[in-house]
Amino acid sequence: MARKPTAKRGAARADSTSGKKARSLAALGHTKPQTYEELRAVLSSGTVHFPKRLRQVAIFLWQHPSDVALGTIVQVADQAGVQPSTLVRFAKIFGFTGFSDFQGLFKNHIKESWPEGLARDGSGDKAADTGVHGHFLNGMVGASLASLARLDNEFDFGSFDTMVEHLSAAELIYVIGSKRAFPVATYLSLTLSQQGVRNVLVDNVGSNALDQIGCIGSRDAVLAISFSPYNSITPDLASVARERKARIVAITDSTFSPLVKLSDTWLEVVESDFAGFRSLAASLAVGMALVNGVVARRAE
């Protein structure tokens, strides 16, 4: 006959579970995050290596804190493309009892950072009876405003100045960006040309992107632009440029971007979305500021 677990065994089991949690946090090299900023610091430290699904969650949390704060676990899981149980597993890695406990970090964060008067769907206080097309337009305007507001609050001017230094010192600038980043790359290349700054737009026409950067050297620089899900050719081209000792600066949207490890310096630009469509307002604003900075520095 099997023996019943004693209270002593139950206590030992609880101590074991507690010990495992403590060892898990110790392995991260961090205590349990108390704020959203502390969580970002842990994620950006490189001490946590996630499997594919948990990495997918980390990228979504990094880019969409307001959605995490205001959504249910089912809604957040659906937007992140994972199961709700994956969110719970992610939260427990950092010492939280579950998703609701973990979600508190994001709720506290947006209380101070969300633009005043801007609704969660990005439509602001405008009237709802603008029709289907008017509603979508209002939503995209709201998403653009949210992107620009985040940029205004969190912009890294130190990294920006370093990027201007590298680009202004280059003999030739290679501008790389594909898929959603391609419109930004194209416009920056055009604007640089109009300002008399020699550059090459690596557009991969005819699948010849590797040939387009074939002459890159140590006196040149790459301006690489890439946004999640990071499945474009851009990181491969940046890797080739790095092997040839060219300077690499990047505009991307999270510390999980493969461009981060390849770049001499990088800027984080996170765009808000509406109805599945992401704004490019902040990316273009940063790009125009870079062009202006390079032109001004060269004039000096």
C-alpha atoms as a PDB file:
ATOM      1  CA  MET A   1       0.000   0.000   0.000  1.00  0.00           C
ATOM      2  CA  ALA A   2       1.390   3.421  -1.023  1.00  0.00           C
ATOM      3  CA  ARG A   3       2.322   5.734   1.818  1.00  0.00           C
ATOM      4  CA  LYS A   4       0.519   9.077   2.063  1.00  0.00           C
ATOM      5  CA  PRO A   5       2.692  12.182   1.682  1.00  0.00           C
ATOM      6  CA  THR A   6       3.441  13.713   5.032  1.00  0.00           C
ATOM      7  CA  ALA A   7       3.379  17.422   5.859  1.00  0.00           C
ATOM      8  CA  LYS A   8       7.143  17.235   6.066  1.00  0.00           C
ATOM      9  CA  ARG A   9       7.357  15.947   2.502  1.00  0.00           C
ATOM     10  CA  GLY A  10       4.953  18.675   1.320  1.00  0.00           C
ATOM     11  CA  ALA A  11       7.122  21.340   2.923  1.00  0.00           C
ATOM     12  CA  ALA A  12      10.226  19.843   1.365  1.00  0.00           C
ATOM     13  CA  ARG A  13       8.559  19.879  -2.034  1.00  0.00           C
ATOM     14  CA  ALA A  14       7.569  23.551  -1.594  1.00  0.00           C
ATOM     15  CA  ASP A  15      11.136  24.394  -0.567  1.00  0.00           C
ATOM     16  CA  SER A  16      12.385  22.585  -3.669  1.00  0.00           C
ATOM     17  CA  THR A  17      10.052  24.587  -5.930  1.00  0.00           C
ATOM     18  CA  SER A  18      11.081  27.829  -4.269  1.00  0.00           C
ATOM     19  CA  GLY A  19      14.721  26.854  -4.640  1.00  0.00           C
ATOM     20  CA  LYS A  20      14.284  26.133  -8.339  1.00  0.00           C
ATOM     21  CA  LYS A  21      12.683  29.557  -8.859  1.00  0.00           C
ATOM     22  CA  ALA A  22      15.517  31.247  -6.985  1.00  0.00           C
ATOM     23  CA  ARG A  23      18.113  29.349  -8.997  1.00  0.00           C
ATOM     24  CA  SER A  24      16.286  30.297 -12.207  1.00  0.00           C
ATOM     25  CA  LEU A  25      16.420  34.007 -11.351  1.00  0.00           C
ATOM     26  CA  ALA A  26      20.015  33.684 -10.172  1.00  0.00           C
ATOM     27  CA  ALA A  27      20.939  32.089 -13.485  1.00  0.00           C
ATOM     28  CA  LEU A  28      19.631  35.214 -15.241  1.00  0.00           C
ATOM     29  CA  GLY A  29      21.958  37.316 -13.144  1.00  0.00           C
ATOM     30  CA  HIS A  30      19.033  39.503 -12.102  1.00  0.00           C
ATOM     31  CA  THR A  31      16.405  39.718  -9.403  1.00  0.00           C
ATOM     32  CA  LYS A  32      12.706  39.760 -10.224  1.00  0.00           C
ATOM     33  CA  PRO A  33      12.002  42.912 -12.319  1.00  0.00           C
ATOM     34  CA  GLN A  34      10.012  45.490 -10.358  1.00  0.00           C
ATOM     35  CA  THR A  35       9.328  47.855 -13.283  1.00  0.00           C
ATOM     36  CA  TYR A  36       8.923  47.712 -17.044  1.00  0.00           C
ATOM     37  CA  GLU A  37      12.283  49.475 -17.410  1.00  0.00           C
ATOM     38  CA  GLU A  38      13.986  46.788 -15.312  1.00  0.00           C
ATOM     39  CA  LEU A  39      12.404  44.090 -17.479  1.00  0.00           C
ATOM     40  CA  ARG A  40      13.729  45.799 -20.619  1.00  0.00           C
ATOM     41  CA  ALA A  41      17.177  45.968 -19.025  1.00  0.00           C
ATOM     42  CA  VAL A  42      17.116  42.218 -18.400  1.00  0.00           C
ATOM     43  CA  LEU A  43      15.927  41.457 -21.930  1.00  0.00           C
ATOM     44  CA  SER A  44      18.553  43.709 -23.509  1.00  0.00           C
ATOM     45  CA  SER A  45      21.383  42.346 -21.349  1.00  0.00           C
ATOM     46  CA  GLY A  46      21.785  39.220 -23.470  1.00  0.00           C
ATOM     47  CA  THR A  47      21.794  36.956 -20.393  1.00  0.00           C
ATOM     48  CA  VAL A  48      18.473  35.332 -21.313  1.00  0.00           C
ATOM     49  CA  HIS A  49      18.389  32.983 -24.295  1.00  0.00           C
ATOM     50  CA  PHE A  50      14.856  32.071 -25.307  1.00  0.00           C
ATOM     51  CA  PRO A  51      13.588  29.228 -27.477  1.00  0.00           C
ATOM     52  CA  LYS A  52      11.658  30.260 -30.585  1.00  0.00           C
ATOM     53  CA  ARG A  53       8.183  30.784 -29.068  1.00  0.00           C
ATOM     54  CA  LEU A  54       9.416  32.618 -25.977  1.00  0.00           C
ATOM     55  CA  ARG A  55      11.615  34.822 -28.161  1.00  0.00           C
ATOM     56  CA  GLN A  56       8.499  35.641 -30.186  1.00  0.00           C
ATOM     57  CA  VAL A  57       6.782  36.690 -26.952  1.00  0.00           C
ATOM     58  CA  ALA A  58       9.776  38.796 -25.875  1.00  0.00           C
ATOM     59  CA  ILE A  59       9.807  40.714 -29.165  1.00  0.00           C
ATOM     60  CA  PHE A  60       6.071  41.403 -28.939  1.00  0.00           C
ATOM     61  CA  LEU A  61       6.296  42.571 -25.322  1.00  0.00           C
ATOM     62  CA  TRP A  62       9.225  44.848 -26.213  1.00  0.00           C
ATOM     63  CA  GLN A  63       7.382  46.477 -29.098  1.00  0.00           C
ATOM     64  CA  HIS A  64       3.797  46.640 -27.796  1.00  0.00           C
ATOM     65  CA  PRO A  65       3.754  47.444 -24.061  1.00  0.00           C
ATOM     66  CA  SER A  66       0.387  49.214 -24.277  1.00  0.00           C
ATOM     67  CA  ASP A  67      -1.288  46.204 -25.906  1.00  0.00           C
ATOM     68  CA  VAL A  68       0.127  43.972 -23.177  1.00  0.00           C
ATOM     69  CA  ALA A  69      -1.067  46.345 -20.466  1.00  0.00           C
ATOM     70  CA  LEU A  70      -4.626  46.737 -21.735  1.00  0.00           C
ATOM     71  CA  GLY A  71      -5.376  43.345 -23.263  1.00  0.00           C
ATOM     72  CA  THR A  72      -6.573  40.076 -21.794  1.00  0.00           C
ATOM     73  CA  ILE A  73      -4.233  37.103 -21.831  1.00  0.00           C
ATOM     74  CA  VAL A  74      -6.180  35.654 -24.770  1.00  0.00           C
ATOM     75  CA  GLN A  75      -5.953  38.908 -26.739  1.00  0.00           C
ATOM     76  CA  VAL A  76      -2.237  39.359 -26.078  1.00  0.00           C
ATOM     77  CA  ALA A  77      -1.515  35.727 -26.967  1.00  0.00           C
ATOM     78  CA  ASP A  78      -3.469  36.083 -30.216  1.00  0.00           C
ATOM     79  CA  GLN A  79      -1.603  39.265 -31.168  1.00  0.00           C
ATOM     80  CA  ALA A  80       1.759  37.689 -30.323  1.00  0.00           C
ATOM     81  CA  GLY A  81       0.884  34.539 -32.274  1.00  0.00           C
ATOM     82  CA  VAL A  82       1.316  32.135 -29.340  1.00  0.00           C
ATOM     83  CA  GLN A  83      -0.817  30.174 -26.880  1.00  0.00           C
ATOM     84  CA  PRO A  84      -1.861  31.800 -23.559  1.00  0.00           C
ATOM     85  CA  SER A  85       0.125  29.130 -21.725  1.00  0.00           C
ATOM     86  CA  THR A  86       3.280  30.460 -23.416  1.00  0.00           C
ATOM     87  CA  LEU A  87       2.671  33.891 -21.856  1.00  0.00           C
ATOM     88  CA  VAL A  88       2.299  32.280 -18.441  1.00  0.00           C
ATOM     89  CA  ARG A  89       5.519  30.328 -18.957  1.00  0.00           C
ATOM     90  CA  PHE A  90       7.320  33.524 -19.980  1.00  0.00           C
ATOM     91  CA  ALA A  91       6.082  35.356 -16.867  1.00  0.00           C
ATOM     92  CA  LYS A  92       7.194  32.548 -14.557  1.00  0.00           C
ATOM     93  CA  ILE A  93      10.741  32.666 -15.946  1.00  0.00           C
ATOM     94  CA  PHE A  94      11.047  36.085 -14.302  1.00  0.00           C
ATOM     95  CA  GLY A  95       9.596  34.992 -10.967  1.00  0.00           C
ATOM     96  CA  PHE A  96       5.962  36.051 -11.443  1.00  0.00           C
ATOM     97  CA  THR A  97       3.077  33.824 -10.362  1.00  0.00           C
ATOM     98  CA  GLY A  98       1.285  34.246 -13.686  1.00  0.00           C
ATOM     99  CA  PHE A  99       0.434  36.611 -16.504  1.00  0.00           C
ATOM    100  CA  SER A 100      -1.782  38.959 -14.449  1.00  0.00           C
ATOM    101  CA  ASP A 101       1.023  39.542 -11.966  1.00  0.00           C
ATOM    102  CA  PHE A 102       3.482  40.115 -14.807  1.00  0.00           C
ATOM    103  CA  GLN A 103       1.041  42.425 -16.637  1.00  0.00           C
ATOM    104  CA  GLY A 104       1.206  44.872 -13.730  1.00  0.00           C
ATOM    105  CA  LEU A 105       4.640  46.061 -14.927  1.00  0.00           C
ATOM    106  CA  PHE A 106       3.107  47.172 -18.218  1.00  0.00           C
ATOM    107  CA  LYS A 107       0.020  48.781 -16.646  1.00  0.00           C
ATOM    108  CA  ASN A 108       2.174  50.938 -14.410  1.00  0.00           C
ATOM    109  CA  HIS A 109       4.386  51.878 -17.352  1.00  0.00           C
ATOM    110  CA  ILE A 110       1.659  53.161 -19.671  1.00  0.00           C
ATOM    111  CA  LYS A 111       0.011  55.256 -16.967  1.00  0.00           C
ATOM    112  CA  GLU A 112       2.871  57.695 -17.404  1.00  0.00           C
ATOM    113  CA  SER A 113       3.933  57.131 -21.010  1.00  0.00           C
ATOM    114  CA  TRP A 114       0.672  56.919 -23.014  1.00  0.00           C
ATOM    115  CA  PRO A 115      -0.081  60.217 -24.792  1.00  0.00           C
ATOM    116  CA  GLU A 116      -2.864  62.138 -23.081  1.00  0.00           C
ATOM    117  CA  GLY A 117      -6.187  62.004 -24.914  1.00  0.00           C
ATOM    118  CA  LEU A 118      -5.104  59.221 -27.286  1.00  0.00           C
ATOM    119  CA  ALA A 119      -7.404  56.211 -27.254  1.00  0.00           C
ATOM    120  CA  ARG A 120      -6.027  52.679 -27.300  1.00  0.00           C
ATOM    121  CA  ASP A 121      -7.176  52.123 -30.878  1.00  0.00           C
ATOM    122  CA  GLY A 122      -5.254  55.248 -31.924  1.00  0.00           C
ATOM    123  CA  SER A 123      -8.375  57.173 -32.915  1.00  0.00           C
ATOM    124  CA  GLY A 124      -8.165  59.822 -30.194  1.00  0.00           C
ATOM    125  CA  ASP A 125     -11.289  61.784 -29.312  1.00  0.00           C
ATOM    126  CA  LYS A 126     -12.581  62.223 -32.851  1.00  0.00           C
ATOM    127  CA  ALA A 127     -16.163  61.385 -33.680  1.00  0.00           C
ATOM    128  CA  ALA A 128     -16.886  57.756 -34.464  1.00  0.00           C
ATOM    129  CA  ASP A 129     -19.325  58.401 -37.320  1.00  0.00           C
ATOM    130  CA  THR A 130     -16.698  59.191 -39.963  1.00  0.00           C
ATOM    131  CA  GLY A 131     -17.468  56.065 -41.938  1.00  0.00           C
ATOM    132  CA  VAL A 132     -15.313  52.998 -42.422  1.00  0.00           C
ATOM    133  CA  HIS A 133     -12.598  54.796 -44.382  1.00  0.00           C
ATOM    134  CA  GLY A 134     -12.570  57.764 -42.022  1.00  0.00           C
ATOM    135  CA  HIS A 135     -12.261  55.449 -39.032  1.00  0.00           C
ATOM    136  CA  PHE A 136      -9.262  53.718 -40.595  1.00  0.00           C
ATOM    137  CA  LEU A 137      -7.628  57.044 -41.463  1.00  0.00           C
ATOM    138  CA  ASN A 138      -8.136  58.287 -37.897  1.00  0.00           C
ATOM    139  CA  GLY A 139      -6.653  55.037 -36.623  1.00  0.00           C
ATOM    140  CA  MET A 140      -3.531  55.356 -38.758  1.00  0.00           C
ATOM    141  CA  VAL A 141      -3.111  59.001 -37.734  1.00  0.00           C
ATOM    142  CA  GLY A 142      -3.390  57.921 -34.108  1.00  0.00           C
ATOM    143  CA  ALA A 143      -0.818  55.170 -34.612  1.00  0.00           C
ATOM    144  CA  SER A 144       1.565  57.678 -36.185  1.00  0.00           C
ATOM    145  CA  LEU A 145       1.072  60.094 -33.293  1.00  0.00           C
ATOM    146  CA  ALA A 146       1.743  57.318 -30.783  1.00  0.00           C
ATOM    147  CA  SER A 147       4.932  56.334 -32.636  1.00  0.00           C
ATOM    148  CA  LEU A 148       6.176  59.918 -32.658  1.00  0.00           C
ATOM    149  CA  ALA A 149       5.267  60.430 -28.996  1.00  0.00           C
ATOM    150  CA  ARG A 150       7.263  57.336 -28.026  1.00  0.00           C
ATOM    151  CA  LEU A 151      10.163  58.652 -30.055  1.00  0.00           C
ATOM    152  CA  ASP A 152       9.952  62.014 -28.307  1.00  0.00           C
ATOM    153  CA  ASN A 153      10.040  60.346 -24.887  1.00  0.00           C
ATOM    154  CA  GLU A 154      12.646  57.629 -25.412  1.00  0.00           C
ATOM    155  CA  PHE A 155      15.053  58.800 -28.127  1.00  0.00           C
ATOM    156  CA  ASP A 156      18.749  57.959 -27.648  1.00  0.00           C
ATOM    157  CA  PHE A 157      20.586  61.133 -28.706  1.00  0.00           C
ATOM    158  CA  GLY A 158      23.981  59.644 -27.823  1.00  0.00           C
ATOM    159  CA  SER A 159      23.591  56.824 -30.327  1.00  0.00           C
ATOM    160  CA  PHE A 160      22.155  59.265 -32.861  1.00  0.00           C
ATOM    161  CA  ASP A 161      25.246  61.507 -32.667  1.00  0.00           C
ATOM    162  CA  THR A 162      27.513  58.474 -33.092  1.00  0.00           C
ATOM    163  CA  MET A 163      25.558  57.404 -36.175  1.00  0.00           C
ATOM    164  CA  VAL A 164      25.938  60.872 -37.677  1.00  0.00           C
ATOM    165  CA  GLU A 165      29.716  60.715 -37.028  1.00  0.00           C
ATOM    166  CA  HIS A 166      30.094  57.343 -38.771  1.00  0.00           C
ATOM    167  CA  LEU A 167      27.952  58.266 -41.768  1.00  0.00           C
ATOM    168  CA  SER A 168      29.487  61.711 -42.289  1.00  0.00           C
ATOM    169  CA  ALA A 169      33.007  60.221 -42.246  1.00  0.00           C
ATOM    170  CA  ALA A 170      32.226  57.566 -44.886  1.00  0.00           C
ATOM    171  CA  GLU A 171      33.415  57.832 -48.463  1.00  0.00           C
ATOM    172  CA  LEU A 172      30.294  56.002 -49.658  1.00  0.00           C
ATOM    173  CA  ILE A 173      27.110  55.145 -47.765  1.00  0.00           C
ATOM    174  CA  TYR A 174      25.255  51.934 -48.577  1.00  0.00           C
ATOM    175  CA  VAL A 175      21.569  52.156 -47.642  1.00  0.00           C
ATOM    176  CA  ILE A 176      19.975  48.748 -47.022  1.00  0.00           C
ATOM    177  CA  GLY A 177      16.368  47.920 -46.205  1.00  0.00           C
ATOM    178  CA  SER A 178      13.872  45.417 -47.566  1.00  0.00           C
ATOM    179  CA  LYS A 179      10.170  44.619 -47.225  1.00  0.00           C
ATOM    180  CA  ARG A 180       8.535  47.118 -44.823  1.00  0.00           C
ATOM    181  CA  ALA A 181      11.836  48.945 -44.361  1.00  0.00           C
ATOM    182  CA  PHE A 182      12.326  49.426 -48.115  1.00  0.00           C
ATOM    183  CA  PRO A 183      10.222  52.621 -48.408  1.00  0.00           C
ATOM    184  CA  VAL A 184      12.310  54.190 -45.638  1.00  0.00           C
ATOM    185  CA  ALA A 185      15.599  53.118 -47.240  1.00  0.00           C
ATOM    186  CA  THR A 186      14.502  54.391 -50.653  1.00  0.00           C
ATOM    187  CA  TYR A 187      13.502  57.802 -49.351  1.00  0.00           C
ATOM    188  CA  LEU A 188      16.696  58.208 -47.318  1.00  0.00           C
ATOM    189  CA  SER A 189      18.833  57.292 -50.332  1.00  0.00           C
ATOM    190  CA  LEU A 190      16.947  59.817 -52.487  1.00  0.00           C
ATOM    191  CA  THR A 191      17.309  62.565 -49.888  1.00  0.00           C
ATOM    192  CA  LEU A 192      21.029  61.892 -49.412  1.00  0.00           C
ATOM    193  CA  SER A 193      21.512  62.143 -53.184  1.00  0.00           C
ATOM    194  CA  GLN A 194      19.568  65.403 -53.339  1.00  0.00           C
ATOM    195  CA  GLN A 195      21.888  66.793 -50.651  1.00  0.00           C
ATOM    196  CA  GLY A 196      24.998  65.764 -52.592  1.00  0.00           C
ATOM    197  CA  VAL A 197      25.948  62.841 -50.343  1.00  0.00           C
ATOM    198  CA  ARG A 198      27.250  59.869 -52.346  1.00  0.00           C
ATOM    199  CA  ASN A 199      25.317  56.708 -51.582  1.00  0.00           C
ATOM    200  CA  VAL A 200      24.143  53.391 -53.001  1.00  0.00           C
ATOM    201  CA  LEU A 201      20.626  52.058 -52.499  1.00  0.00           C
ATOM    202  CA  VAL A 202      20.932  48.289 -52.197  1.00  0.00           C
ATOM    203  CA  ASP A 203      17.554  47.428 -53.701  1.00  0.00           C
ATOM    204  CA  ASN A 204      18.252  43.766 -54.596  1.00  0.00           C
ATOM    205  CA  VAL A 205      16.714  44.166 -58.057  1.00  0.00           C
ATOM    206  CA  GLY A 206      17.418  40.951 -59.959  1.00  0.00           C
ATOM    207  CA  SER A 207      18.511  39.320 -56.669  1.00  0.00           C
ATOM    208  CA  ASN A 208      21.901  41.015 -57.007  1.00  0.00           C
ATOM    209  CA  ALA A 209      22.176  42.569 -53.537  1.00  0.00           C
ATOM    210  CA  LEU A 210      25.469  40.808 -52.803  1.00  0.00           C
ATOM    211  CA  ASP A 211      26.895  42.179 -56.047  1.00  0.00           C
ATOM    212  CA  GLN A 212      25.661  45.678 -55.151  1.00  0.00           C
ATOM    213  CA  ILE A 213      27.793  45.669 -51.999  1.00  0.00           C
ATOM    214  CA  GLY A 214      30.649  43.810 -53.692  1.00  0.00           C
ATOM    215  CA  CYS A 215      32.979  46.825 -53.618  1.00  0.00           C
ATOM    216  CA  ILE A 216      32.308  47.919 -50.047  1.00  0.00           C
ATOM    217  CA  GLY A 217      35.427  48.666 -48.013  1.00  0.00           C
ATOM    218  CA  SER A 218      36.691  49.906 -44.682  1.00  0.00           C
ATOM    219  CA  ARG A 219      36.208  53.573 -45.620  1.00  0.00           C
ATOM    220  CA  ASP A 220      32.519  53.067 -46.339  1.00  0.00           C
ATOM    221  CA  ALA A 221      29.486  52.829 -44.061  1.00  0.00           C
ATOM    222  CA  VAL A 222      26.191  50.936 -44.104  1.00  0.00           C
ATOM    223  CA  LEU A 223      22.892  52.394 -42.971  1.00  0.00           C
ATOM    224  CA  ALA A 224      20.772  49.283 -42.378  1.00  0.00           C
ATOM    225  CA  ILE A 225      17.055  49.390 -41.591  1.00  0.00           C
ATOM    226  CA  SER A 226      15.133  46.331 -40.443  1.00  0.00           C
ATOM    227  CA  PHE A 227      11.947  45.623 -38.511  1.00  0.00           C
ATOM    228  CA  SER A 228      10.504  42.439 -37.044  1.00  0.00           C
ATOM    229  CA  PRO A 229      10.008  39.624 -37.997  1.00  0.00           C
ATOM    230  CA  TYR A 230      13.638  40.062 -39.166  1.00  0.00           C
ATOM    231  CA  ASN A 231      13.378  37.551 -41.997  1.00  0.00           C
ATOM    232  CA  SER A 232      14.846  39.754 -44.714  1.00  0.00           C
ATOM    233  CA  ILE A 233      18.214  39.710 -46.454  1.00  0.00           C
ATOM    234  CA  THR A 234      19.374  42.831 -44.580  1.00  0.00           C
ATOM    235  CA  PRO A 235      21.279  41.064 -41.731  1.00  0.00           C
ATOM    236  CA  ASP A 236      23.139  38.890 -44.271  1.00  0.00           C
ATOM    237  CA  LEU A 237      24.295  41.966 -46.179  1.00  0.00           C
ATOM    238  CA  ALA A 238      25.312  43.720 -42.966  1.00  0.00           C
ATOM    239  CA  SER A 239      27.337  40.651 -41.999  1.00  0.00           C
ATOM    240  CA  VAL A 240      29.253  40.809 -45.292  1.00  0.00           C
ATOM    241  CA  ALA A 241      29.919  44.517 -44.764  1.00  0.00           C
ATOM    242  CA  ARG A 242      31.182  43.846 -41.247  1.00  0.00           C
ATOM    243  CA  GLU A 243      33.632  41.235 -42.543  1.00  0.00           C
ATOM    244  CA  ARG A 244      35.032  43.926 -44.853  1.00  0.00           C
ATOM    245  CA  LYS A 245      35.505  46.358 -41.949  1.00  0.00           C
ATOM    246  CA  ALA A 246      32.852  48.864 -43.038  1.00  0.00           C
ATOM    247  CA  ARG A 247      31.076  50.891 -40.365  1.00  0.00           C
ATOM    248  CA  ILE A 248      27.523  49.706 -39.749  1.00  0.00           C
ATOM    249  CA  VAL A 249      24.735  51.772 -38.202  1.00  0.00           C
ATOM    250  CA  ALA A 250      21.189  50.507 -37.883  1.00  0.00           C
ATOM    251  CA  ILE A 251      17.609  51.588 -37.341  1.00  0.00           C
ATOM    252  CA  THR A 252      15.626  48.691 -35.914  1.00  0.00           C
ATOM    253  CA  ASP A 253      12.836  48.050 -33.442  1.00  0.00           C
ATOM    254  CA  SER A 254      14.172  45.898 -30.602  1.00  0.00           C
ATOM    255  CA  THR A 255      17.255  44.528 -28.916  1.00  0.00           C
ATOM    256  CA  PHE A 256      16.377  41.137 -30.444  1.00  0.00           C
ATOM    257  CA  SER A 257      17.089  42.345 -33.972  1.00  0.00           C
ATOM    258  CA  PRO A 258      20.046  40.530 -35.592  1.00  0.00           C
ATOM    259  CA  LEU A 259      21.354  43.945 -36.662  1.00  0.00           C
ATOM    260  CA  VAL A 260      22.152  44.855 -33.051  1.00  0.00           C
ATOM    261  CA  LYS A 261      25.141  42.508 -32.789  1.00  0.00           C
ATOM    262  CA  LEU A 262      26.371  43.458 -36.255  1.00  0.00           C
ATOM    263  CA  SER A 263      26.243  47.221 -35.795  1.00  0.00           C
ATOM    264  CA  ASP A 264      28.721  49.726 -34.408  1.00  0.00           C
ATOM    265  CA  THR A 265      25.729  51.614 -33.087  1.00  0.00           C
ATOM    266  CA  TRP A 266      21.962  51.390 -33.477  1.00  0.00           C
ATOM    267  CA  LEU A 267      18.753  53.264 -32.759  1.00  0.00           C
ATOM    268  CA  GLU A 268      15.512  51.736 -31.555  1.00  0.00           C
ATOM    269  CA  VAL A 269      12.429  52.996 -33.374  1.00  0.00           C
ATOM    270  CA  VAL A 270       9.163  51.228 -32.520  1.00  0.00           C
ATOM    271  CA  GLU A 271       6.161  51.922 -34.714  1.00  0.00           C
ATOM    272  CA  SER A 272       2.575  51.562 -33.504  1.00  0.00           C
ATOM    273  CA  ASP A 273       0.003  49.826 -35.667  1.00  0.00           C
ATOM    274  CA  PHE A 274      -3.693  49.995 -36.401  1.00  0.00           C
ATOM    275  CA  ALA A 275      -5.799  47.136 -37.755  1.00  0.00           C
ATOM    276  CA  GLY A 276      -2.635  45.231 -38.643  1.00  0.00           C
ATOM    277  CA  PHE A 277      -0.986  48.135 -40.505  1.00  0.00           C
ATOM    278  CA  ARG A 278       2.113  49.721 -38.981  1.00  0.00           C
ATOM    279  CA  SER A 279       3.041  53.361 -39.211  1.00  0.00           C
ATOM    280  CA  LEU A 280       6.373  54.491 -40.671  1.00  0.00           C
ATOM    281  CA  ALA A 281       6.158  58.026 -39.285  1.00  0.00           C
ATOM    282  CA  ALA A 282       8.828  57.669 -36.596  1.00  0.00           C
ATOM    283  CA  SER A 283      11.246  55.788 -38.866  1.00  0.00           C
ATOM    284  CA  LEU A 284      11.032  58.478 -41.535  1.00  0.00           C
ATOM    285  CA  ALA A 285      11.432  61.242 -38.942  1.00  0.00           C
ATOM    286  CA  VAL A 286      14.607  59.636 -37.573  1.00  0.00           C
ATOM    287  CA  GLY A 287      15.895  59.042 -41.091  1.00  0.00           C
ATOM    288  CA  MET A 288      15.373  62.664 -42.111  1.00  0.00           C
ATOM    289  CA  ALA A 289      17.131  63.807 -38.944  1.00  0.00           C
ATOM    290  CA  LEU A 290      20.093  61.553 -39.811  1.00  0.00           C
ATOM    291  CA  VAL A 291      20.329  62.992 -43.320  1.00  0.00           C
ATOM    292  CA  ASN A 292      20.206  66.525 -41.923  1.00  0.00           C
ATOM    293  CA  GLY A 293      22.870  65.649 -39.347  1.00  0.00           C
ATOM    294  CA  VAL A 294      25.218  64.143 -41.949  1.00  0.00           C
ATOM    295  CA  VAL A 295      24.852  67.144 -44.259  1.00  0.00           C
ATOM    296  CA  ALA A 296      25.454  69.590 -41.408  1.00  0.00           C
ATOM    297  CA  ARG A 297      28.483  67.677 -40.129  1.00  0.00           C
ATOM    298  CA  ARG A 298      30.061  67.549 -43.586  1.00  0.00           C
ATOM    299  CA  ALA A 299      29.470  71.264 -44.026  1.00  0.00           C
ATOM    300  CA  GLU A 300      31.449  71.885 -40.858  1.00  0.00           C
END
